[in-house]
Amino acid sequence: CMPTLDESLDPQSDMNVGQTVTLDLRQPLGVGFDKHLNITHCQEGSQAQEAGVEVGAKVTRLANEIVNSVDQFKIIMSRCKEQGQFEVILTLQHPLIKDIPS
């Protein structure tokens, strides 16, 4: 699946570009993230990389549920799998691109 841009912005966040990707929970996601849900690495050739997930993006939603912690992310993943919902939408926010002084 090709990633799509989500035009809705969160005014209370320092992130401005929303991205949604569809992932298959029957396969490894191929990403790692820190306790704040920021993507820290994306494995080469993984479904996440192929979907356009980039290091530095922050996970904000999984299966249309707001995610605030790694534990919550795991709970939502487990619940989706138990219910047979294997294709889920992951929503990411990318940091604002700041002007670099010349």
Protein backbone atom coordinates (compact mmCIF):
# COMPACT_ATOMS: atom_id res chain seq x y z
CA CYS A 1 0.00 0.00 0.00
CA MET A 2 1.17 3.49 -0.72
CA PRO A 3 1.22 5.93 2.17
CA THR A 4 -1.27 8.75 2.03
CA LEU A 5 -1.05 12.19 3.56
CA ASP A 6 -3.64 13.18 6.11
CA GLU A 7 -4.42 16.87 5.80
CA SER A 8 -5.76 17.27 9.34
CA LEU A 9 -3.35 19.01 11.66
CA ASP A 10 -3.10 18.93 15.42
CA PRO A 11 -2.68 22.57 16.52
CA GLN A 12 -1.44 21.53 19.96
CA SER A 13 1.42 19.51 18.55
CA ASP A 14 4.80 20.47 17.17
CA MET A 15 4.20 17.91 14.46
CA ASN A 16 2.47 19.00 11.28
CA VAL A 17 2.41 16.33 8.61
CA GLY A 18 0.10 13.36 9.14
CA GLN A 19 0.76 10.11 7.32
CA THR A 20 -1.35 6.97 7.34
CA VAL A 21 -0.09 3.58 6.26
CA THR A 22 -1.82 0.21 6.18
CA LEU A 23 0.10 -2.57 7.88
CA ASP A 24 -0.46 -6.33 8.03
CA LEU A 25 -0.25 -7.61 11.62
CA ARG A 26 0.46 -11.13 10.33
CA GLN A 27 3.93 -9.91 9.39
CA PRO A 28 6.59 -8.16 11.50
CA LEU A 29 6.15 -4.38 11.31
CA GLY A 30 9.89 -3.82 11.02
CA VAL A 31 10.08 -0.71 13.20
CA GLY A 32 11.35 0.19 16.63
CA PHE A 33 10.29 3.13 18.71
CA ASP A 34 11.16 4.80 21.98
CA LYS A 35 8.88 5.22 25.01
CA HIS A 36 7.35 8.32 23.40
CA LEU A 37 6.43 6.31 20.27
CA ASN A 38 8.99 8.07 18.07
CA ILE A 39 10.26 5.76 15.33
CA THR A 40 13.92 5.04 16.11
CA HIS A 41 14.65 2.57 13.33
CA CYS A 42 13.00 1.02 10.32
CA GLN A 43 14.34 -2.29 9.02
CA GLU A 44 15.39 -2.40 5.41
CA GLY A 45 12.90 -4.34 3.30
CA SER A 46 10.25 -4.37 6.04
CA GLN A 47 6.60 -3.63 5.35
CA ALA A 48 6.98 -0.37 7.29
CA GLN A 49 9.86 0.78 5.08
CA GLU A 50 7.98 -0.22 1.94
CA ALA A 51 4.99 1.81 3.20
CA GLY A 52 7.20 4.89 3.61
CA VAL A 53 7.59 4.95 7.41
CA GLU A 54 10.59 7.09 8.36
CA VAL A 55 12.78 7.42 11.43
CA GLY A 56 11.73 10.46 13.47
CA ALA A 57 8.00 10.10 12.86
CA LYS A 58 5.76 9.62 15.89
CA VAL A 59 3.01 7.01 16.16
CA THR A 60 -0.27 8.76 17.06
CA ARG A 61 -2.96 6.21 16.18
CA LEU A 62 -3.28 2.51 15.54
CA ALA A 63 -6.49 1.03 14.11
CA ASN A 64 -8.10 4.46 14.49
CA GLU A 65 -7.39 4.57 18.25
CA ILE A 66 -5.21 7.26 19.82
CA VAL A 67 -1.99 5.75 21.15
CA ASN A 68 -0.14 7.39 24.06
CA SER A 69 2.23 4.63 25.22
CA VAL A 70 4.08 1.54 24.07
CA ASP A 71 1.88 -0.60 26.33
CA GLN A 72 -1.25 0.85 24.76
CA PHE A 73 0.19 0.18 21.27
CA LYS A 74 0.77 -3.49 22.22
CA ILE A 75 -2.72 -3.82 23.73
CA ILE A 76 -4.37 -2.46 20.57
CA MET A 77 -2.25 -4.76 18.37
CA SER A 78 -3.17 -7.80 20.47
CA ARG A 79 -6.86 -6.90 20.47
CA CYS A 80 -6.86 -6.48 16.67
CA LYS A 81 -5.20 -9.86 16.20
CA GLU A 82 -7.64 -11.57 18.59
CA GLN A 83 -10.56 -10.08 16.63
CA GLY A 84 -9.08 -11.20 13.31
CA GLN A 85 -8.38 -7.64 12.18
CA PHE A 86 -4.96 -8.07 10.58
CA GLU A 87 -4.84 -5.06 8.29
CA VAL A 88 -4.70 -1.91 10.38
CA ILE A 89 -4.02 1.74 9.72
CA LEU A 90 -1.06 3.30 11.50
CA THR A 91 -1.08 7.10 11.74
CA LEU A 92 2.20 8.95 12.10
CA GLN A 93 3.08 12.59 12.64
CA HIS A 94 6.29 14.03 11.25
CA PRO A 95 8.14 16.87 12.99
CA LEU A 96 7.92 20.37 11.59
CA ILE A 97 10.76 21.17 9.27
CA LYS A 98 12.52 24.15 10.78
CA ASP A 99 14.31 26.74 8.68
CA ILE A 100 18.04 26.12 8.82
CA PRO A 101 20.03 29.33 9.33
CA SER A 102 22.37 30.05 6.44
